[in-house]
């Protein structure tokens, strides 16, 4: 059992080490980015069902 695990880790070790390094660099680059937020004004048209009415104007939607 242990020899199989060791063989799995040792086989193609340069490729595995390179992939781990690349994953770490990619993770660091993504983690360092600041999240972006953008507010966009939206016009909302409400059509209440027949027999119903709005009691107050709608607030702006962001």
PDB file of N, CA and C in Angstrom:
ATOM      1  N   UNK A   1       0.825  -1.196   0.000  1.00  0.00           N
ATOM      2  CA  UNK A   1       0.000   0.000   0.000  1.00  0.00           C
ATOM      3  C   UNK A   1       0.867   1.258   0.000  1.00  0.00           C
ATOM      4  N   UNK A   2       1.853   1.292   0.895  1.00  0.00           N
ATOM      5  CA  UNK A   2       2.716   2.472   0.977  1.00  0.00           C
ATOM      6  C   UNK A   2       3.580   2.623  -0.258  1.00  0.00           C
ATOM      7  N   UNK A   3       4.019   1.519  -0.821  1.00  0.00           N
ATOM      8  CA  UNK A   3       4.859   1.607  -2.016  1.00  0.00           C
ATOM      9  C   UNK A   3       4.049   2.142  -3.196  1.00  0.00           C
ATOM     10  N   UNK A   4       2.771   1.816  -3.254  1.00  0.00           N
ATOM     11  CA  UNK A   4       1.915   2.336  -4.322  1.00  0.00           C
ATOM     12  C   UNK A   4       1.705   3.833  -4.184  1.00  0.00           C
ATOM     13  N   UNK A   5       1.538   4.302  -2.950  1.00  0.00           N
ATOM     14  CA  UNK A   5       1.370   5.734  -2.704  1.00  0.00           C
ATOM     15  C   UNK A   5       2.652   6.481  -3.029  1.00  0.00           C
ATOM     16  N   UNK A   6       3.770   5.901  -2.616  1.00  0.00           N
ATOM     17  CA  UNK A   6       5.059   6.538  -2.901  1.00  0.00           C
ATOM     18  C   UNK A   6       5.308   6.587  -4.403  1.00  0.00           C
ATOM     19  N   UNK A   7       5.001   5.521  -5.091  1.00  0.00           N
ATOM     20  CA  UNK A   7       5.185   5.491  -6.547  1.00  0.00           C
ATOM     21  C   UNK A   7       4.297   6.538  -7.215  1.00  0.00           C
ATOM     22  N   UNK A   8       3.083   6.721  -6.705  1.00  0.00           N
ATOM     23  CA  UNK A   8       2.179   7.722  -7.280  1.00  0.00           C
ATOM     24  C   UNK A   8       2.724   9.131  -7.076  1.00  0.00           C
ATOM     25  N   UNK A   9       3.393   9.368  -5.960  1.00  0.00           N
ATOM     26  CA  UNK A   9       3.947  10.693  -5.688  1.00  0.00           C
ATOM     27  C   UNK A   9       5.247  10.942  -6.446  1.00  0.00           C
ATOM     28  N   UNK A  10       6.059   9.909  -6.608  1.00  0.00           N
ATOM     29  CA  UNK A  10       7.377  10.067  -7.217  1.00  0.00           C
ATOM     30  C   UNK A  10       7.303  10.060  -8.744  1.00  0.00           C
ATOM     31  N   UNK A  11       6.345   9.359  -9.310  1.00  0.00           N
ATOM     32  CA  UNK A  11       6.224   9.295 -10.764  1.00  0.00           C
ATOM     33  C   UNK A  11       5.857  10.675 -11.305  1.00  0.00           C
ATOM     34  N   UNK A  12       6.598  11.124 -12.302  1.00  0.00           N
ATOM     35  CA  UNK A  12       6.384  12.434 -12.941  1.00  0.00           C
ATOM     36  C   UNK A  12       6.455  13.583 -11.939  1.00  0.00           C
ATOM     37  N   UNK A  13       7.376  13.509 -10.992  1.00  0.00           N
ATOM     38  CA  UNK A  13       7.433  14.538  -9.942  1.00  0.00           C
ATOM     39  C   UNK A  13       7.726  15.935 -10.472  1.00  0.00           C
ATOM     40  N   UNK A  14       8.521  16.122 -11.542  1.00  0.00           N
ATOM     41  CA  UNK A  14       8.726  17.498 -12.026  1.00  0.00           C
ATOM     42  C   UNK A  14       7.426  18.144 -12.523  1.00  0.00           C
ATOM     43  N   UNK A  15       6.605  17.362 -13.194  1.00  0.00           N
ATOM     44  CA  UNK A  15       5.326  17.887 -13.680  1.00  0.00           C
ATOM     45  C   UNK A  15       4.416  18.228 -12.503  1.00  0.00           C
ATOM     46  N   UNK A  16       4.384  17.374 -11.503  1.00  0.00           N
ATOM     47  CA  UNK A  16       3.539  17.613 -10.330  1.00  0.00           C
ATOM     48  C   UNK A  16       4.011  18.835  -9.552  1.00  0.00           C
ATOM     49  N   UNK A  17       5.316  18.983  -9.410  1.00  0.00           N
ATOM     50  CA  UNK A  17       5.859  20.141  -8.704  1.00  0.00           C
ATOM     51  C   UNK A  17       5.568  21.431  -9.473  1.00  0.00           C
ATOM     52  N   UNK A  18       5.703  21.384 -10.785  1.00  0.00           N
ATOM     53  CA  UNK A  18       5.400  22.551 -11.615  1.00  0.00           C
ATOM     54  C   UNK A  18       3.926  22.921 -11.522  1.00  0.00           C
ATOM     55  N   UNK A  19       3.054  21.938 -11.531  1.00  0.00           N
ATOM     56  CA  UNK A  19       1.622  22.228 -11.445  1.00  0.00           C
ATOM     57  C   UNK A  19       1.260  22.817 -10.087  1.00  0.00           C
ATOM     58  N   UNK A  20       1.893  22.347  -9.018  1.00  0.00           N
ATOM     59  CA  UNK A  20       1.649  22.932  -7.693  1.00  0.00           C
ATOM     60  C   UNK A  20       2.133  24.376  -7.630  1.00  0.00           C
ATOM     61  N   UNK A  21       3.302  24.643  -8.205  1.00  0.00           N
ATOM     62  CA  UNK A  21       3.826  26.011  -8.217  1.00  0.00           C
ATOM     63  C   UNK A  21       2.929  26.924  -9.043  1.00  0.00           C
ATOM     64  N   UNK A  22       2.480  26.460 -10.189  1.00  0.00           N
ATOM     65  CA  UNK A  22       1.589  27.249 -11.034  1.00  0.00           C
ATOM     66  C   UNK A  22       0.262  27.519 -10.329  1.00  0.00           C
ATOM     67  N   UNK A  23      -0.272  26.524  -9.640  1.00  0.00           N
ATOM     68  CA  UNK A  23      -1.518  26.712  -8.895  1.00  0.00           C
ATOM     69  C   UNK A  23      -1.334  27.731  -7.781  1.00  0.00           C
ATOM     70  N   UNK A  24      -0.198  27.702  -7.094  1.00  0.00           N
ATOM     71  CA  UNK A  24       0.065  28.666  -6.022  1.00  0.00           C
ATOM     72  C   UNK A  24       0.184  30.083  -6.569  1.00  0.00           C
ATOM     73  N   UNK A  25       0.855  30.243  -7.702  1.00  0.00           N
ATOM     74  CA  UNK A  25       0.991  31.571  -8.318  1.00  0.00           C
ATOM     75  C   UNK A  25      -0.368  32.079  -8.780  1.00  0.00           C
ATOM     76  N   UNK A  26      -1.161  31.230  -9.397  1.00  0.00           N
ATOM     77  CA  UNK A  26      -2.489  31.621  -9.856  1.00  0.00           C
ATOM     78  C   UNK A  26      -3.381  31.991  -8.682  1.00  0.00           C
ATOM     79  N   UNK A  27      -3.343  31.202  -7.612  1.00  0.00           N
ATOM     80  CA  UNK A  27      -4.133  31.508  -6.415  1.00  0.00           C
ATOM     81  C   UNK A  27      -3.719  32.852  -5.827  1.00  0.00           C
ATOM     82  N   UNK A  28      -2.418  33.110  -5.740  1.00  0.00           N
ATOM     83  CA  UNK A  28      -1.938  34.377  -5.183  1.00  0.00           C
ATOM     84  C   UNK A  28      -2.386  35.554  -6.045  1.00  0.00           C
ATOM     85  N   UNK A  29      -2.352  35.399  -7.361  1.00  0.00           N
ATOM     86  CA  UNK A  29      -2.770  36.482  -8.256  1.00  0.00           C
ATOM     87  C   UNK A  29      -4.257  36.774  -8.112  1.00  0.00           C
ATOM     88  N   UNK A  30      -5.065  35.750  -8.011  1.00  0.00           N
ATOM     89  CA  UNK A  30      -6.514  35.948  -7.877  1.00  0.00           C
ATOM     90  C   UNK A  30      -6.851  36.490  -6.495  1.00  0.00           C
ATOM     91  N   UNK A  31      -6.187  36.008  -5.463  1.00  0.00           N
ATOM     92  CA  UNK A  31      -6.469  36.463  -4.100  1.00  0.00           C
ATOM     93  C   UNK A  31      -6.054  37.913  -3.894  1.00  0.00           C
ATOM     94  N   UNK A  32      -5.078  38.400  -4.656  1.00  0.00           N
ATOM     95  CA  UNK A  32      -4.591  39.767  -4.493  1.00  0.00           C
ATOM     96  C   UNK A  32      -5.494  40.796  -5.173  1.00  0.00           C
ATOM     97  N   UNK A  33      -6.352  40.362  -6.084  1.00  0.00           N
ATOM     98  CA  UNK A  33      -7.239  41.298  -6.777  1.00  0.00           C
ATOM     99  C   UNK A  33      -8.303  41.829  -5.830  1.00  0.00           C
ATOM    100  N   UNK A  34      -8.619  43.103  -5.998  1.00  0.00           N
ATOM    101  CA  UNK A  34      -9.696  43.688  -5.207  1.00  0.00           C
ATOM    102  C   UNK A  34     -11.015  43.408  -5.918  1.00  0.00           C
ATOM    103  N   UNK A  35     -12.044  43.075  -5.153  1.00  0.00           N
ATOM    104  CA  UNK A  35     -13.338  42.832  -5.793  1.00  0.00           C
ATOM    105  C   UNK A  35     -13.883  44.128  -6.397  1.00  0.00           C
ATOM    106  N   UNK A  36     -14.517  44.014  -7.536  1.00  0.00           N
ATOM    107  CA  UNK A  36     -15.075  45.193  -8.190  1.00  0.00           C
ATOM    108  C   UNK A  36     -16.591  45.180  -8.058  1.00  0.00           C
ATOM    109  N   UNK A  37     -17.128  46.353  -7.806  1.00  0.00           N
ATOM    110  CA  UNK A  37     -18.570  46.515  -7.694  1.00  0.00           C
ATOM    111  C   UNK A  37     -18.970  47.703  -8.544  1.00  0.00           C
ATOM    112  N   UNK A  38     -20.051  47.563  -9.254  1.00  0.00           N
ATOM    113  CA  UNK A  38     -20.533  48.654 -10.089  1.00  0.00           C
ATOM    114  C   UNK A  38     -22.027  48.792  -9.864  1.00  0.00           C
ATOM    115  N   UNK A  39     -22.458  50.020  -9.551  1.00  0.00           N
ATOM    116  CA  UNK A  39     -23.875  50.295  -9.378  1.00  0.00           C
ATOM    117  C   UNK A  39     -24.444  50.791 -10.698  1.00  0.00           C
ATOM    118  N   UNK A  40     -25.544  50.202 -11.099  1.00  0.00           N
ATOM    119  CA  UNK A  40     -26.174  50.563 -12.361  1.00  0.00           C
ATOM    120  C   UNK A  40     -27.622  50.940 -12.072  1.00  0.00           C
ATOM    121  N   UNK A  41     -28.028  52.170 -12.416  1.00  0.00           N
ATOM    122  CA  UNK A  41     -29.429  52.532 -12.200  1.00  0.00           C
ATOM    123  C   UNK A  41     -30.336  51.766 -13.167  1.00  0.00           C
ATOM    124  N   UNK A  42     -31.472  51.325 -12.660  1.00  0.00           N
ATOM    125  CA  UNK A  42     -32.407  50.537 -13.458  1.00  0.00           C
ATOM    126  C   UNK A  42     -33.787  51.160 -13.342  1.00  0.00           C
ATOM    127  N   UNK A  43     -34.448  51.325 -14.455  1.00  0.00           N
ATOM    128  CA  UNK A  43     -35.827  51.800 -14.440  1.00  0.00           C
ATOM    129  C   UNK A  43     -36.732  50.583 -14.334  1.00  0.00           C
ATOM    130  N   UNK A  44     -37.574  50.595 -13.316  1.00  0.00           N
ATOM    131  CA  UNK A  44     -38.453  49.462 -13.061  1.00  0.00           C
ATOM    132  C   UNK A  44     -39.884  49.889 -13.348  1.00  0.00           C
ATOM    133  N   UNK A  45     -40.535  49.183 -14.228  1.00  0.00           N
ATOM    134  CA  UNK A  45     -41.929  49.473 -14.557  1.00  0.00           C
ATOM    135  C   UNK A  45     -42.782  48.382 -13.923  1.00  0.00           C
ATOM    136  N   UNK A  46     -43.663  48.807 -13.019  1.00  0.00           N
ATOM    137  CA  UNK A  46     -44.511  47.851 -12.313  1.00  0.00           C
ATOM    138  C   UNK A  46     -45.925  47.965 -12.854  1.00  0.00           C
ATOM    139  N   UNK A  47     -46.471  46.847 -13.233  1.00  0.00           N
ATOM    140  CA  UNK A  47     -47.853  46.807 -13.690  1.00  0.00           C
ATOM    141  C   UNK A  47     -48.635  45.934 -12.712  1.00  0.00           C
ATOM    142  N   UNK A  48     -49.267  46.563 -11.707  1.00  0.00           N
ATOM    143  CA  UNK A  48     -50.019  45.764 -10.733  1.00  0.00           C
ATOM    144  C   UNK A  48     -51.226  45.096 -11.392  1.00  0.00           C
ATOM    145  N   UNK A  49     -51.669  44.001 -10.827  1.00  0.00           N
ATOM    146  CA  UNK A  49     -52.837  43.316 -11.386  1.00  0.00           C
ATOM    147  C   UNK A  49     -54.070  44.228 -11.349  1.00  0.00           C
ATOM    148  N   UNK A  50     -55.013  43.923 -12.192  1.00  0.00           N
ATOM    149  CA  UNK A  50     -56.242  44.713 -12.252  1.00  0.00           C
ATOM    150  C   UNK A  50     -56.935  44.692 -10.890  1.00  0.00           C
ATOM    151  N   UNK A  51     -57.360  45.850 -10.452  1.00  0.00           N
ATOM    152  CA  UNK A  51     -58.014  45.966  -9.151  1.00  0.00           C
ATOM    153  C   UNK A  51     -57.036  46.265  -8.029  1.00  0.00           C
ATOM    154  N   UNK A  52     -55.758  46.329  -8.320  1.00  0.00           N
ATOM    155  CA  UNK A  52     -54.733  46.640  -7.316  1.00  0.00           C
ATOM    156  C   UNK A  52     -54.039  47.935  -7.698  1.00  0.00           C
ATOM    157  N   UNK A  53     -53.492  48.627  -6.687  1.00  0.00           N
ATOM    158  CA  UNK A  53     -52.771  49.868  -6.946  1.00  0.00           C
ATOM    159  C   UNK A  53     -51.610  49.969  -5.970  1.00  0.00           C
ATOM    160  N   UNK A  54     -50.564  50.689  -6.358  1.00  0.00           N
ATOM    161  CA  UNK A  54     -49.433  50.934  -5.464  1.00  0.00           C
ATOM    162  C   UNK A  54     -49.830  52.002  -4.459  1.00  0.00           C
ATOM    163  N   UNK A  55     -49.479  51.807  -3.205  1.00  0.00           N
ATOM    164  CA  UNK A  55     -49.820  52.793  -2.172  1.00  0.00           C
ATOM    165  C   UNK A  55     -48.762  53.874  -2.050  1.00  0.00           C
ATOM    166  N   UNK A  56     -47.560  53.626  -2.533  1.00  0.00           N
ATOM    167  CA  UNK A  56     -46.488  54.625  -2.495  1.00  0.00           C
ATOM    168  C   UNK A  56     -45.580  54.398  -3.702  1.00  0.00           C
ATOM    169  N   UNK A  57     -44.842  55.441  -4.100  1.00  0.00           N
ATOM    170  CA  UNK A  57     -43.948  55.259  -5.255  1.00  0.00           C
ATOM    171  C   UNK A  57     -42.817  54.282  -4.929  1.00  0.00           C
ATOM    172  N   UNK A  58     -42.349  53.639  -5.954  1.00  0.00           N
ATOM    173  CA  UNK A  58     -41.266  52.668  -5.774  1.00  0.00           C
ATOM    174  C   UNK A  58     -39.946  53.379  -5.517  1.00  0.00           C
ATOM    175  N   UNK A  59     -39.102  52.826  -4.639  1.00  0.00           N
ATOM    176  CA  UNK A  59     -37.770  53.404  -4.440  1.00  0.00           C
ATOM    177  C   UNK A  59     -36.885  53.063  -5.639  1.00  0.00           C
ATOM    178  N   UNK A  60     -35.806  53.824  -5.824  1.00  0.00           N
ATOM    179  CA  UNK A  60     -34.899  53.484  -6.934  1.00  0.00           C
ATOM    180  C   UNK A  60     -34.235  52.128  -6.701  1.00  0.00           C
ATOM    181  N   UNK A  61     -34.002  51.422  -7.765  1.00  0.00           N
ATOM    182  CA  UNK A  61     -33.371  50.102  -7.702  1.00  0.00           C
ATOM    183  C   UNK A  61     -31.919  50.256  -8.116  1.00  0.00           C
ATOM    184  N   UNK A  62     -31.003  49.690  -7.325  1.00  0.00           N
ATOM    185  CA  UNK A  62     -29.575  49.767  -7.642  1.00  0.00           C
ATOM    186  C   UNK A  62     -29.011  48.378  -7.783  1.00  0.00           C
TER     187      UNK A  62
END
